[in-house]
Amino acid sequence: MNLQERLRLLMRLGEHLRAEDDYLRAVMQRAKFHNPWFTIENQELSIRAIAEQYLDGGKLGEWLSRYEIPEQAAPATVAIVMAGNLPLVGFHDLLCVFAAGHKALIKLSDKDQYLLPYLLKLMGQFDDRASSYFETTERLQGFEAVIATGSNNSARYFEAYFSKYPHIIRKNRNGVAVLDGKESEAELLALGRDVFQYFGLGCRNVSKLYVPRGYRFEPLLEALHEYREIVQHDKYKNNFDYNYALYILNKEPYMANGCIILTENASLQSRIAGLHYEFYDKLEEVESEISRRKDEIQLVAARPGLLRQAALPFGQTQQPQLWDYADGVDTMAFLLSL
């Protein structure tokens, strides 16, 4: 398939995902049964984001116009080790491999085994030539490059195992938010989406707040309480109750509103149902801290104009564009260099 044929296929997949598909609903039910974190709502959110942000013809054209992609090229086989913290979290890597004209050898996460194979099946039905571009496997062999996503621990294993291949290895990262106490109620509510979407399990979720010394937490806790229905999910509630009990037993200071627990902590990574915060005296201190820890931070959210460095408006951390590469590594440039 040449580049234009691949693009047309991607756009057709996007059109299909924006329409009703009863079989996809059944696949989603199966995914939810296998992994309770994958609620129907979260799967719909992920699929809608893929259809609207990644598979829109105009956005695909704008994105790929930044690169020189040959119409016909000798394809390489790229192994993709996918994460499973969110539904279809590895789709962007797969999209990049296909758009570049390479073949994908896919190691699925055991937490997300059903959604992606169905999308690949659809693409094969739309154009049977597409099937030769994708293979799922339990054993990776016969590849020429690697894209692997995992935890800090698994990344050490990946770096050792795949060291002789061209590779992108991703580790743990987290989103942070910087507040100055002047946020409106609407902005705090939007921040709640950044905290709670996908139960806070994604690398683009906000897990750490930087707040000015003397910050009044009451408006924030009230705004976050609007998401209280999240505790009706059994696994989230179990984590909330467990962590709540730990703080009480250990006599650690905390603030809670029934659906989230705030604790003062320098770590960027918080527990499920938890949110860390840290005080600052000057914004320059926060900007220096963010720069120093840039390899641990996926993104920064703040009121427009608050920081000198790039930051997303509240509520938009889970809406990446095609060119918002994980860890800031240009996946397409890497693939086109093979």
Foldseek 3Di string as FASTA:
>chain_A
DFLVVLLVLLLVLLVVLVDDDVVLVVLQVVLCVQAVLSDVVQLNVVSNLCSPFPNHSVLVVVVCVVDDAGRDDDAFEEEEEDDQLGAPPVVLLVSLSVSSPHAYEYEYDSSHDGNVVVSQVVSCVVPVVSVRRYHYDNDDDDGAEYEYEDEPVVLVVCCVVCVVHHYHYYYAAAEAEEEEQPDDLVLLLLLLCLACRSLNRDRLRQQEYEYAPVHDCVSNQVSNCVVLCVCVRPVLVVQVVVVVVVCVVVVADWDHNNQAIEHADPDRDDTRRYHYYHHDHDVVVVVVVCVVVVQRHFFYEYPPPPDPDDHHRRNCSPNDHSQSDGSNDRSNVSSNVD
